[in-house]
Structures are given as structure tokens and as C-alpha cells.
Amino acid sequence: MGEPQHFVIVCGYGCNLDSPLRPYLDRVRAYCIERAPVTVIACGGMTQQKSFPGQCEARVISQDLVSDEHENQITSDLGIRVYEERSSYTTQENIRNAAARIKRMAPEEKDRRITVFCEATRALKVAALVRHELGFPPGGGLPPIRIETDSWEQMHPVKELIGTLKDFACIYVPGFGDLHAWHRRRVAKTR
């Protein structure tokens, strides 16, 4: 049996590289150069349509990771595949859609090693969503799911707790995920 394939999921947080997104993506790049995963899945839809028309978070992430400015080490030197998951507007959609791609590429849980990058206040919900979508390692000798965080959010903890509960509801309440995503798409038109 060979080594599990290492997948990195990068949750997007807007399209403005002059924001905390820049150091976050620098951290993702450094991790990828050091660990050389097989695949990076950049996640995020067009969440800031008013401020950044035509841009989606996944495209901003992938272009930054493979830019000539950074000597394109990710794809050229290391041969890492970078995919864009452009249709997600919520954390739940980011993880669900990335998980679907990972399951196609490595159908068996034992053949996967997962690292997810997210903002620190979202780590609990990201961990729960990843485990829901991709299994519950490390039980049974399966590889762990690693959550890498960066912290810049200044949202009140109660608001973040409410957001986390909404994402849990996306898992367990039929139709809630679609309603939550519909609302996020509407909000995206005003940002």
C-alpha cells in the first residue's frame, strides 16, 4: 500500500489581496512548498460582486498561488495540481464541493490525507464539516485531518457561534444549506 494522497483545501475569504488575505495565502504557499501536496483545491465563489466584479475567491487564490511573482513553484517546480471550486459561497459549500472532488480522486478514506486552511474562528465548524463529508479519522488507523488556521477575524464571538450553529444546521436540517447559500449569494451582490 502506497502513501496516502495529500489534499489541501483552501477556504476563500474575499477577493482583496490588500487585506488579511495576503498573509493567509503566503502561509498556504509556504505550507505547499514545504509539504508538496498532490492537489490544492481553492474554494470560493463571487462573494464581492460589487467591489470586485467578475472575480471569485477560488480564482484569486489559485492565481496567487501559481503567479510568476512567486516563481510558480507550486505547479512548475513541485507539480502540484491546483483546482478552483468556484460555486461555493458558504463554508459548508466549500467543504462539500471540495470533498466531492477528493472522493473522485481518492475514493478510499485510507488513501487520503487532508489539510484545510481556514480563518481561526471558523476552525470548529470546518473540522466538523470535513469530518462529516470525508469520514471520521483517525479511528481505525485512518490518517488525521489537519486544520491550519490564520487569525484576523474581528467578529464578535457570539456572532461566530451563531454562524457555526448555522453550518451545523446545514448538515442536519434538510434544505437549510440551500437556504443559507441562497442568502449568501444575495449578500454577495451588495459587497
N, C-alpha and C. Protein backbone atom coordinates (compact mmCIF):
# COMPACT_ATOMS: atom_id res chain seq x y z
N MET A 1 0.84 -1.19 0.00
CA MET A 1 0.00 0.00 0.00
C MET A 1 0.88 1.24 0.00
N GLY A 2 0.59 2.20 -0.88
CA GLY A 2 1.37 3.42 -1.01
C GLY A 2 0.97 4.47 0.00
N GLU A 3 1.69 5.55 -0.06
CA GLU A 3 1.43 6.70 0.79
C GLU A 3 0.10 7.35 0.39
N PRO A 4 -0.73 7.80 1.37
CA PRO A 4 -1.98 8.48 1.02
C PRO A 4 -1.72 9.76 0.23
N GLN A 5 -2.63 10.11 -0.67
CA GLN A 5 -2.52 11.37 -1.41
C GLN A 5 -2.83 12.52 -0.47
N HIS A 6 -2.02 13.56 -0.53
CA HIS A 6 -2.21 14.71 0.35
C HIS A 6 -2.99 15.79 -0.42
N PHE A 7 -4.17 16.11 0.11
CA PHE A 7 -5.02 17.15 -0.48
C PHE A 7 -5.05 18.35 0.46
N VAL A 8 -4.99 19.55 -0.11
CA VAL A 8 -5.11 20.78 0.67
C VAL A 8 -6.34 21.52 0.17
N ILE A 9 -7.23 21.84 1.09
CA ILE A 9 -8.42 22.65 0.80
C ILE A 9 -8.14 24.05 1.36
N VAL A 10 -8.34 25.07 0.53
CA VAL A 10 -8.12 26.45 0.97
C VAL A 10 -9.45 27.18 0.91
N CYS A 11 -9.99 27.51 2.07
CA CYS A 11 -11.25 28.27 2.12
C CYS A 11 -10.95 29.72 1.79
N GLY A 12 -11.77 30.29 0.92
CA GLY A 12 -11.58 31.67 0.49
C GLY A 12 -12.26 32.66 1.41
N TYR A 13 -11.69 33.87 1.46
CA TYR A 13 -12.23 34.94 2.30
C TYR A 13 -12.13 36.26 1.56
N GLY A 14 -12.86 36.40 0.49
CA GLY A 14 -12.87 37.64 -0.26
C GLY A 14 -11.87 37.64 -1.40
N CYS A 15 -11.87 38.75 -2.12
CA CYS A 15 -11.05 38.89 -3.34
C CYS A 15 -10.01 39.98 -3.22
N ASN A 16 -9.89 40.62 -2.07
CA ASN A 16 -8.99 41.75 -1.90
C ASN A 16 -7.65 41.28 -1.34
N LEU A 17 -6.64 41.25 -2.20
CA LEU A 17 -5.31 40.81 -1.76
C LEU A 17 -4.60 41.83 -0.87
N ASP A 18 -5.13 43.05 -0.79
CA ASP A 18 -4.56 44.05 0.11
C ASP A 18 -5.21 43.98 1.49
N SER A 19 -5.75 42.85 1.83
CA SER A 19 -6.41 42.63 3.11
C SER A 19 -5.65 41.51 3.83
N PRO A 20 -6.19 41.00 4.92
CA PRO A 20 -5.55 39.86 5.59
C PRO A 20 -5.43 38.62 4.69
N LEU A 21 -6.05 38.64 3.53
CA LEU A 21 -5.94 37.52 2.61
C LEU A 21 -4.50 37.31 2.14
N ARG A 22 -3.75 38.38 1.97
CA ARG A 22 -2.35 38.26 1.50
C ARG A 22 -1.52 37.40 2.44
N PRO A 23 -1.40 37.69 3.75
CA PRO A 23 -0.58 36.84 4.61
C PRO A 23 -1.13 35.41 4.73
N TYR A 24 -2.43 35.28 4.64
CA TYR A 24 -3.07 33.95 4.67
C TYR A 24 -2.59 33.12 3.48
N LEU A 25 -2.63 33.70 2.28
CA LEU A 25 -2.19 32.97 1.09
C LEU A 25 -0.68 32.74 1.08
N ASP A 26 0.07 33.66 1.66
CA ASP A 26 1.51 33.45 1.80
C ASP A 26 1.77 32.22 2.67
N ARG A 27 0.96 32.06 3.69
CA ARG A 27 1.10 30.90 4.59
C ARG A 27 0.72 29.61 3.86
N VAL A 28 -0.33 29.66 3.06
CA VAL A 28 -0.74 28.49 2.26
C VAL A 28 0.40 28.11 1.32
N ARG A 29 0.96 29.09 0.62
CA ARG A 29 2.05 28.83 -0.33
C ARG A 29 3.24 28.19 0.38
N ALA A 30 3.64 28.75 1.53
CA ALA A 30 4.79 28.21 2.26
C ALA A 30 4.53 26.77 2.68
N TYR A 31 3.32 26.48 3.12
CA TYR A 31 2.96 25.12 3.52
C TYR A 31 3.07 24.17 2.31
N CYS A 32 2.55 24.60 1.18
CA CYS A 32 2.58 23.75 -0.02
C CYS A 32 4.01 23.51 -0.50
N ILE A 33 4.84 24.52 -0.43
CA ILE A 33 6.23 24.36 -0.85
C ILE A 33 6.95 23.39 0.10
N GLU A 34 6.66 23.51 1.39
CA GLU A 34 7.30 22.63 2.38
C GLU A 34 6.78 21.20 2.31
N ARG A 35 5.46 21.02 2.16
CA ARG A 35 4.84 19.69 2.26
C ARG A 35 4.53 19.04 0.92
N ALA A 36 4.52 19.78 -0.16
CA ALA A 36 4.26 19.28 -1.52
C ALA A 36 3.07 18.34 -1.60
N PRO A 37 1.87 18.85 -1.33
CA PRO A 37 0.68 18.01 -1.50
C PRO A 37 0.47 17.67 -2.97
N VAL A 38 -0.35 16.67 -3.24
CA VAL A 38 -0.66 16.30 -4.62
C VAL A 38 -1.57 17.33 -5.26
N THR A 39 -2.54 17.81 -4.49
CA THR A 39 -3.59 18.67 -5.02
C THR A 39 -3.95 19.77 -4.03
N VAL A 40 -4.18 20.97 -4.55
CA VAL A 40 -4.73 22.09 -3.78
C VAL A 40 -6.08 22.42 -4.39
N ILE A 41 -7.10 22.53 -3.55
CA ILE A 41 -8.43 22.91 -4.02
C ILE A 41 -8.75 24.28 -3.41
N ALA A 42 -8.77 25.29 -4.27
CA ALA A 42 -9.09 26.66 -3.86
C ALA A 42 -10.60 26.82 -3.92
N CYS A 43 -11.19 27.28 -2.82
CA CYS A 43 -12.66 27.34 -2.72
C CYS A 43 -13.16 28.77 -2.55
N GLY A 44 -14.27 29.07 -3.21
CA GLY A 44 -14.94 30.35 -3.00
C GLY A 44 -15.53 30.91 -4.27
N GLY A 45 -16.73 31.40 -4.14
CA GLY A 45 -17.45 31.97 -5.27
C GLY A 45 -17.24 33.47 -5.39
N MET A 46 -18.14 34.11 -6.13
CA MET A 46 -18.07 35.56 -6.35
C MET A 46 -18.78 36.26 -5.20
N THR A 47 -18.08 36.36 -4.06
CA THR A 47 -18.68 36.86 -2.83
C THR A 47 -18.65 38.37 -2.71
N GLN A 48 -17.91 39.05 -3.57
CA GLN A 48 -17.82 40.51 -3.51
C GLN A 48 -18.08 41.09 -4.91
N GLN A 49 -19.26 40.85 -5.42
CA GLN A 49 -19.56 41.22 -6.80
C GLN A 49 -19.55 42.72 -7.04
N LYS A 50 -19.91 43.52 -6.05
CA LYS A 50 -19.91 44.96 -6.22
C LYS A 50 -18.49 45.53 -6.19
N SER A 51 -17.68 45.08 -5.23
CA SER A 51 -16.32 45.59 -5.08
C SER A 51 -15.33 44.99 -6.09
N PHE A 52 -15.52 43.72 -6.43
CA PHE A 52 -14.62 43.01 -7.34
C PHE A 52 -15.44 42.25 -8.38
N PRO A 53 -16.07 42.99 -9.32
CA PRO A 53 -16.93 42.35 -10.30
C PRO A 53 -16.17 41.32 -11.15
N GLY A 54 -16.80 40.18 -11.35
CA GLY A 54 -16.23 39.14 -12.19
C GLY A 54 -15.15 38.30 -11.50
N GLN A 55 -14.78 38.63 -10.27
CA GLN A 55 -13.75 37.87 -9.56
C GLN A 55 -14.41 36.88 -8.59
N CYS A 56 -13.82 35.71 -8.50
CA CYS A 56 -14.27 34.76 -7.49
C CYS A 56 -13.09 34.42 -6.59
N GLU A 57 -13.40 34.06 -5.36
CA GLU A 57 -12.36 33.76 -4.37
C GLU A 57 -11.43 32.66 -4.84
N ALA A 58 -11.99 31.60 -5.42
CA ALA A 58 -11.17 30.47 -5.87
C ALA A 58 -10.15 30.91 -6.91
N ARG A 59 -10.55 31.76 -7.83
CA ARG A 59 -9.64 32.24 -8.88
C ARG A 59 -8.55 33.11 -8.27
N VAL A 60 -8.90 33.99 -7.34
CA VAL A 60 -7.92 34.84 -6.68
C VAL A 60 -6.87 33.98 -5.96
N ILE A 61 -7.33 32.95 -5.26
CA ILE A 61 -6.42 32.05 -4.54
C ILE A 61 -5.50 31.33 -5.52
N SER A 62 -6.09 30.69 -6.53
CA SER A 62 -5.27 29.89 -7.44
C SER A 62 -4.29 30.75 -8.22
N GLN A 63 -4.73 31.91 -8.70
CA GLN A 63 -3.81 32.79 -9.44
C GLN A 63 -2.66 33.26 -8.56
N ASP A 64 -2.96 33.55 -7.30
CA ASP A 64 -1.90 33.99 -6.41
C ASP A 64 -0.92 32.85 -6.13
N LEU A 65 -1.42 31.64 -5.95
CA LEU A 65 -0.54 30.51 -5.63
C LEU A 65 0.40 30.17 -6.79
N VAL A 66 -0.06 30.36 -8.01
CA VAL A 66 0.76 29.96 -9.17
C VAL A 66 1.33 31.15 -9.94
N SER A 67 1.31 32.33 -9.34
CA SER A 67 1.76 33.52 -10.06
C SER A 67 3.26 33.51 -10.31
N ASP A 68 3.66 34.19 -11.37
CA ASP A 68 5.07 34.34 -11.69
C ASP A 68 5.80 35.14 -10.62
N GLU A 69 5.06 36.01 -9.94
CA GLU A 69 5.64 36.80 -8.87
C GLU A 69 6.29 35.89 -7.81
N HIS A 70 5.70 34.72 -7.64
CA HIS A 70 6.21 33.76 -6.66
C HIS A 70 6.98 32.63 -7.35
N GLU A 71 7.44 32.89 -8.55
CA GLU A 71 8.24 31.96 -9.33
C GLU A 71 7.53 30.64 -9.60
N ASN A 72 6.25 30.64 -9.47
CA ASN A 72 5.40 29.50 -9.81
C ASN A 72 5.95 28.16 -9.31
N GLN A 73 6.46 28.13 -8.10
CA GLN A 73 6.99 26.91 -7.53
C GLN A 73 5.92 25.84 -7.36
N ILE A 74 4.72 26.25 -7.09
CA ILE A 74 3.65 25.31 -6.76
C ILE A 74 3.40 24.33 -7.91
N THR A 75 3.12 24.84 -9.10
CA THR A 75 2.78 23.95 -10.21
C THR A 75 3.99 23.56 -11.05
N SER A 76 4.87 24.50 -11.33
CA SER A 76 6.02 24.19 -12.20
C SER A 76 7.05 23.30 -11.52
N ASP A 77 7.55 23.75 -10.38
CA ASP A 77 8.63 23.03 -9.71
C ASP A 77 8.14 21.79 -8.98
N LEU A 78 7.02 21.90 -8.28
CA LEU A 78 6.55 20.80 -7.44
C LEU A 78 5.50 19.92 -8.11
N GLY A 79 4.92 20.39 -9.20
CA GLY A 79 3.91 19.59 -9.91
C GLY A 79 2.61 19.44 -9.17
N ILE A 80 2.29 20.38 -8.29
CA ILE A 80 1.04 20.32 -7.53
C ILE A 80 -0.10 20.76 -8.45
N ARG A 81 -1.18 19.99 -8.46
CA ARG A 81 -2.37 20.38 -9.22
C ARG A 81 -3.18 21.36 -8.39
N VAL A 82 -3.64 22.44 -9.01
CA VAL A 82 -4.46 23.43 -8.33
C VAL A 82 -5.81 23.48 -9.04
N TYR A 83 -6.86 23.19 -8.29
CA TYR A 83 -8.22 23.24 -8.82
C TYR A 83 -8.98 24.39 -8.19
N GLU A 84 -9.90 24.94 -8.95
CA GLU A 84 -10.76 26.02 -8.45
C GLU A 84 -12.16 25.46 -8.23
N GLU A 85 -12.68 25.66 -7.04
CA GLU A 85 -14.06 25.30 -6.71
C GLU A 85 -14.79 26.63 -6.57
N ARG A 86 -15.38 27.09 -7.68
CA ARG A 86 -15.93 28.45 -7.78
C ARG A 86 -17.38 28.61 -7.39
N SER A 87 -18.07 27.53 -7.13
CA SER A 87 -19.52 27.65 -6.93
C SER A 87 -19.93 27.72 -5.46
N SER A 88 -18.99 27.86 -4.55
CA SER A 88 -19.34 27.85 -3.13
C SER A 88 -19.34 29.25 -2.54
N TYR A 89 -20.35 29.51 -1.73
CA TYR A 89 -20.50 30.80 -1.07
C TYR A 89 -20.50 30.69 0.44
N THR A 90 -20.55 29.49 0.96
CA THR A 90 -20.56 29.26 2.40
C THR A 90 -19.46 28.27 2.76
N THR A 91 -19.12 28.22 4.02
CA THR A 91 -18.13 27.26 4.49
C THR A 91 -18.60 25.84 4.18
N GLN A 92 -19.87 25.60 4.39
CA GLN A 92 -20.43 24.26 4.14
C GLN A 92 -20.28 23.88 2.67
N GLU A 93 -20.55 24.81 1.76
CA GLU A 93 -20.38 24.53 0.33
C GLU A 93 -18.91 24.35 -0.03
N ASN A 94 -18.03 25.17 0.56
CA ASN A 94 -16.59 25.00 0.30
C ASN A 94 -16.18 23.55 0.59
N ILE A 95 -16.51 23.07 1.75
CA ILE A 95 -16.07 21.74 2.19
C ILE A 95 -16.80 20.65 1.40
N ARG A 96 -18.09 20.79 1.23
CA ARG A 96 -18.86 19.76 0.49
C ARG A 96 -18.36 19.61 -0.94
N ASN A 97 -18.16 20.72 -1.63
CA ASN A 97 -17.73 20.66 -3.02
C ASN A 97 -16.29 20.18 -3.17
N ALA A 98 -15.41 20.62 -2.27
CA ALA A 98 -14.03 20.12 -2.29
C ALA A 98 -14.00 18.63 -1.97
N ALA A 99 -14.82 18.20 -1.02
CA ALA A 99 -14.87 16.78 -0.64
C ALA A 99 -15.32 15.92 -1.82
N ALA A 100 -16.26 16.40 -2.60
CA ALA A 100 -16.73 15.63 -3.76
C ALA A 100 -15.58 15.40 -4.74
N ARG A 101 -14.76 16.41 -4.97
CA ARG A 101 -13.61 16.26 -5.88
C ARG A 101 -12.61 15.26 -5.28
N ILE A 102 -12.34 15.39 -4.00
CA ILE A 102 -11.38 14.50 -3.34
C ILE A 102 -11.86 13.05 -3.41
N LYS A 103 -13.14 12.83 -3.19
CA LYS A 103 -13.69 11.46 -3.25
C LYS A 103 -13.55 10.87 -4.65
N ARG A 104 -13.66 11.70 -5.68
CA ARG A 104 -13.47 11.20 -7.05
C ARG A 104 -12.01 10.83 -7.29
N MET A 105 -11.10 11.61 -6.73
CA MET A 105 -9.68 11.39 -6.96
C MET A 105 -9.10 10.29 -6.08
N ALA A 106 -9.64 10.13 -4.88
CA ALA A 106 -9.17 9.10 -3.94
C ALA A 106 -10.39 8.53 -3.23
N PRO A 107 -11.07 7.55 -3.84
CA PRO A 107 -12.33 7.04 -3.29
C PRO A 107 -12.23 6.44 -1.88
N GLU A 108 -11.11 5.86 -1.54
CA GLU A 108 -10.95 5.22 -0.24
C GLU A 108 -10.40 6.19 0.79
N GLU A 109 -11.02 6.25 1.98
CA GLU A 109 -10.56 7.14 3.04
C GLU A 109 -9.09 6.92 3.38
N LYS A 110 -8.67 5.67 3.39
CA LYS A 110 -7.29 5.35 3.76
C LYS A 110 -6.27 5.91 2.77
N ASP A 111 -6.73 6.29 1.57
CA ASP A 111 -5.84 6.82 0.54
C ASP A 111 -5.75 8.34 0.54
N ARG A 112 -6.31 8.97 1.58
CA ARG A 112 -6.33 10.44 1.62
C ARG A 112 -5.66 10.97 2.89
N ARG A 113 -4.99 12.09 2.71
CA ARG A 113 -4.52 12.89 3.84
C ARG A 113 -5.02 14.29 3.54
N ILE A 114 -5.72 14.90 4.48
CA ILE A 114 -6.40 16.17 4.24
C ILE A 114 -5.84 17.26 5.15
N THR A 115 -5.56 18.42 4.56
CA THR A 115 -5.24 19.63 5.31
C THR A 115 -6.18 20.71 4.81
N VAL A 116 -6.80 21.42 5.75
CA VAL A 116 -7.71 22.50 5.39
C VAL A 116 -7.20 23.80 5.98
N PHE A 117 -7.11 24.84 5.14
CA PHE A 117 -6.77 26.17 5.61
C PHE A 117 -8.05 26.98 5.78
N CYS A 118 -8.17 27.63 6.94
CA CYS A 118 -9.34 28.47 7.21
C CYS A 118 -8.97 29.54 8.23
N GLU A 119 -9.86 30.48 8.42
CA GLU A 119 -9.68 31.51 9.43
C GLU A 119 -9.93 30.86 10.79
N ALA A 120 -9.17 31.24 11.80
CA ALA A 120 -9.16 30.55 13.10
C ALA A 120 -10.52 30.44 13.76
N THR A 121 -11.34 31.47 13.68
CA THR A 121 -12.63 31.40 14.37
C THR A 121 -13.58 30.41 13.70
N ARG A 122 -13.23 29.95 12.51
CA ARG A 122 -14.07 29.00 11.79
C ARG A 122 -13.56 27.56 11.91
N ALA A 123 -12.51 27.34 12.66
CA ALA A 123 -11.87 26.02 12.73
C ALA A 123 -12.81 24.93 13.24
N LEU A 124 -13.61 25.22 14.24
CA LEU A 124 -14.52 24.20 14.78
C LEU A 124 -15.50 23.74 13.73
N LYS A 125 -16.15 24.69 13.05
CA LYS A 125 -17.13 24.29 12.05
C LYS A 125 -16.46 23.62 10.85
N VAL A 126 -15.28 24.09 10.47
CA VAL A 126 -14.56 23.45 9.36
C VAL A 126 -14.22 22.01 9.72
N ALA A 127 -13.73 21.79 10.92
CA ALA A 127 -13.40 20.41 11.35
C ALA A 127 -14.64 19.52 11.32
N ALA A 128 -15.75 20.02 11.83
CA ALA A 128 -16.98 19.23 11.83
C ALA A 128 -17.47 18.94 10.41
N LEU A 129 -17.41 19.94 9.55
CA LEU A 129 -17.88 19.75 8.17
C LEU A 129 -16.98 18.78 7.40
N VAL A 130 -15.67 18.89 7.58
CA VAL A 130 -14.75 17.99 6.90
C VAL A 130 -14.98 16.56 7.37
N ARG A 131 -15.13 16.38 8.66
CA ARG A 131 -15.36 15.02 9.18
C ARG A 131 -16.69 14.47 8.69
N HIS A 132 -17.68 15.33 8.59
CA HIS A 132 -18.99 14.89 8.07
C HIS A 132 -18.87 14.45 6.62
N GLU A 133 -18.15 15.21 5.81
CA GLU A 133 -18.06 14.94 4.38
C GLU A 133 -17.03 13.86 4.02
N LEU A 134 -15.94 13.76 4.78
CA LEU A 134 -14.85 12.88 4.39
C LEU A 134 -14.54 11.76 5.39
N GLY A 135 -15.36 11.58 6.38
CA GLY A 135 -15.14 10.50 7.33
C GLY A 135 -14.59 10.99 8.64
N PHE A 136 -14.47 10.08 9.56
CA PHE A 136 -14.10 10.43 10.93
C PHE A 136 -12.77 9.81 11.35
N PRO A 137 -11.67 10.07 10.62
CA PRO A 137 -10.37 9.59 11.06
C PRO A 137 -9.99 10.29 12.36
N PRO A 138 -9.04 9.86 13.13
CA PRO A 138 -8.11 8.79 12.83
C PRO A 138 -8.56 7.42 13.32
N GLY A 139 -9.82 7.25 13.69
CA GLY A 139 -10.30 5.94 14.10
C GLY A 139 -9.99 4.89 13.06
N GLY A 140 -9.65 3.71 13.49
CA GLY A 140 -9.37 2.62 12.56
C GLY A 140 -8.07 2.81 11.80
N GLY A 141 -7.15 3.63 12.35
CA GLY A 141 -5.86 3.80 11.70
C GLY A 141 -5.87 4.72 10.49
N LEU A 142 -6.96 5.42 10.25
CA LEU A 142 -7.02 6.33 9.11
C LEU A 142 -6.21 7.59 9.40
N PRO A 143 -5.69 8.24 8.36
CA PRO A 143 -4.89 9.44 8.59
C PRO A 143 -5.74 10.58 9.14
N PRO A 144 -5.14 11.44 9.95
CA PRO A 144 -5.89 12.55 10.53
C PRO A 144 -6.20 13.64 9.50
N ILE A 145 -7.15 14.46 9.86
CA ILE A 145 -7.46 15.66 9.07
C ILE A 145 -6.84 16.82 9.83
N ARG A 146 -6.01 17.58 9.15
CA ARG A 146 -5.28 18.67 9.78
C ARG A 146 -5.97 19.99 9.43
N ILE A 147 -6.18 20.83 10.42
CA ILE A 147 -6.76 22.15 10.20
C ILE A 147 -5.66 23.18 10.47
N GLU A 148 -5.33 23.97 9.46
CA GLU A 148 -4.34 25.05 9.58
C GLU A 148 -5.12 26.36 9.60
N THR A 149 -4.80 27.20 10.56
CA THR A 149 -5.58 28.44 10.70
C THR A 149 -4.69 29.66 10.64
N ASP A 150 -5.33 30.76 10.36
CA ASP A 150 -4.74 32.08 10.47
C ASP A 150 -5.83 32.93 11.11
N SER A 151 -5.45 33.93 11.87
CA SER A 151 -6.46 34.69 12.62
C SER A 151 -6.43 36.16 12.24
N TRP A 152 -7.57 36.65 11.79
CA TRP A 152 -7.71 38.08 11.51
C TRP A 152 -9.13 38.55 11.75
N GLU A 153 -10.05 37.64 11.92
CA GLU A 153 -11.47 37.98 12.06
C GLU A 153 -11.69 38.79 13.33
N GLN A 154 -12.51 39.80 13.21
CA GLN A 154 -12.83 40.63 14.37
C GLN A 154 -14.31 40.55 14.70
N MET A 155 -14.94 39.48 14.24
CA MET A 155 -16.35 39.29 14.51
C MET A 155 -16.54 38.94 15.98
N HIS A 156 -17.61 39.43 16.55
CA HIS A 156 -17.92 39.11 17.94
C HIS A 156 -18.10 37.59 18.07
N PRO A 157 -17.56 37.00 19.15
CA PRO A 157 -17.64 35.54 19.32
C PRO A 157 -19.05 34.98 19.28
N VAL A 158 -20.03 35.73 19.75
CA VAL A 158 -21.42 35.25 19.71
C VAL A 158 -21.90 35.14 18.26
N LYS A 159 -21.54 36.12 17.43
CA LYS A 159 -21.92 36.05 16.01
C LYS A 159 -21.26 34.85 15.34
N GLU A 160 -19.99 34.59 15.67
CA GLU A 160 -19.31 33.44 15.09
C GLU A 160 -19.94 32.13 15.56
N LEU A 161 -20.35 32.08 16.83
CA LEU A 161 -21.03 30.90 17.35
C LEU A 161 -22.34 30.66 16.59
N ILE A 162 -23.07 31.72 16.32
CA ILE A 162 -24.32 31.60 15.55
C ILE A 162 -24.00 31.09 14.14
N GLY A 163 -22.94 31.61 13.53
CA GLY A 163 -22.53 31.12 12.22
C GLY A 163 -22.17 29.64 12.24
N THR A 164 -21.50 29.22 13.30
CA THR A 164 -21.13 27.81 13.44
C THR A 164 -22.38 26.95 13.57
N LEU A 165 -23.33 27.40 14.36
CA LEU A 165 -24.59 26.65 14.51
C LEU A 165 -25.34 26.56 13.18
N LYS A 166 -25.29 27.64 12.39
CA LYS A 166 -25.91 27.60 11.06
C LYS A 166 -25.27 26.53 10.19
N ASP A 167 -23.94 26.45 10.25
CA ASP A 167 -23.25 25.44 9.44
C ASP A 167 -23.55 24.02 9.92
N PHE A 168 -23.71 23.83 11.22
CA PHE A 168 -24.13 22.51 11.72
C PHE A 168 -25.54 22.20 11.23
N ALA A 169 -26.41 23.23 11.21
CA ALA A 169 -27.77 23.02 10.72
C ALA A 169 -27.75 22.63 9.24
N CYS A 170 -26.80 23.15 8.49
CA CYS A 170 -26.67 22.79 7.07
C CYS A 170 -26.48 21.28 6.91
N ILE A 171 -25.82 20.67 7.88
CA ILE A 171 -25.57 19.23 7.83
C ILE A 171 -26.84 18.45 8.16
N TYR A 172 -27.54 18.88 9.19
CA TYR A 172 -28.59 18.03 9.77
C TYR A 172 -30.03 18.45 9.46
N VAL A 173 -30.25 19.66 8.98
CA VAL A 173 -31.62 20.11 8.70
C VAL A 173 -31.81 20.16 7.19
N PRO A 174 -32.64 19.28 6.65
CA PRO A 174 -32.84 19.24 5.19
C PRO A 174 -33.27 20.61 4.64
N GLY A 175 -32.59 21.04 3.59
CA GLY A 175 -32.93 22.29 2.93
C GLY A 175 -32.29 23.52 3.52
N PHE A 176 -31.80 23.44 4.75
CA PHE A 176 -31.22 24.63 5.39
C PHE A 176 -29.96 25.09 4.67
N GLY A 177 -29.14 24.15 4.21
CA GLY A 177 -27.92 24.51 3.50
C GLY A 177 -28.22 25.30 2.24
N ASP A 178 -29.26 24.89 1.50
CA ASP A 178 -29.64 25.61 0.28
C ASP A 178 -30.14 27.01 0.61
N LEU A 179 -30.92 27.14 1.68
CA LEU A 179 -31.42 28.44 2.10
C LEU A 179 -30.28 29.36 2.53
N HIS A 180 -29.36 28.81 3.29
CA HIS A 180 -28.20 29.58 3.76
C HIS A 180 -27.36 30.05 2.57
N ALA A 181 -27.12 29.18 1.61
CA ALA A 181 -26.34 29.53 0.42
C ALA A 181 -27.07 30.58 -0.42
N TRP A 182 -28.38 30.46 -0.56
CA TRP A 182 -29.17 31.44 -1.31
C TRP A 182 -29.01 32.83 -0.68
N HIS A 183 -29.07 32.88 0.65
CA HIS A 183 -28.92 34.15 1.35
C HIS A 183 -27.52 34.74 1.12
N ARG A 184 -26.48 33.90 1.17
CA ARG A 184 -25.11 34.38 0.97
C ARG A 184 -24.91 34.90 -0.46
N ARG A 185 -25.57 34.27 -1.43
CA ARG A 185 -25.46 34.74 -2.82
C ARG A 185 -26.11 36.11 -2.98
N ARG A 186 -27.20 36.33 -2.28
CA ARG A 186 -27.87 37.64 -2.33
C ARG A 186 -26.99 38.71 -1.70
N VAL A 187 -26.37 38.40 -0.56
CA VAL A 187 -25.49 39.35 0.11
C VAL A 187 -24.27 39.66 -0.75
N ALA A 188 -23.77 38.66 -1.48
CA ALA A 188 -22.58 38.84 -2.32
C ALA A 188 -22.76 39.95 -3.36
N LYS A 189 -23.98 40.17 -3.79
CA LYS A 189 -24.24 41.20 -4.80
C LYS A 189 -24.07 42.61 -4.27
N THR A 190 -24.08 42.76 -2.93
CA THR A 190 -24.00 44.09 -2.34
C THR A 190 -22.62 44.41 -1.78
N ARG A 191 -21.70 43.44 -1.80
CA ARG A 191 -20.36 43.67 -1.22
C ARG A 191 -19.38 44.13 -2.26
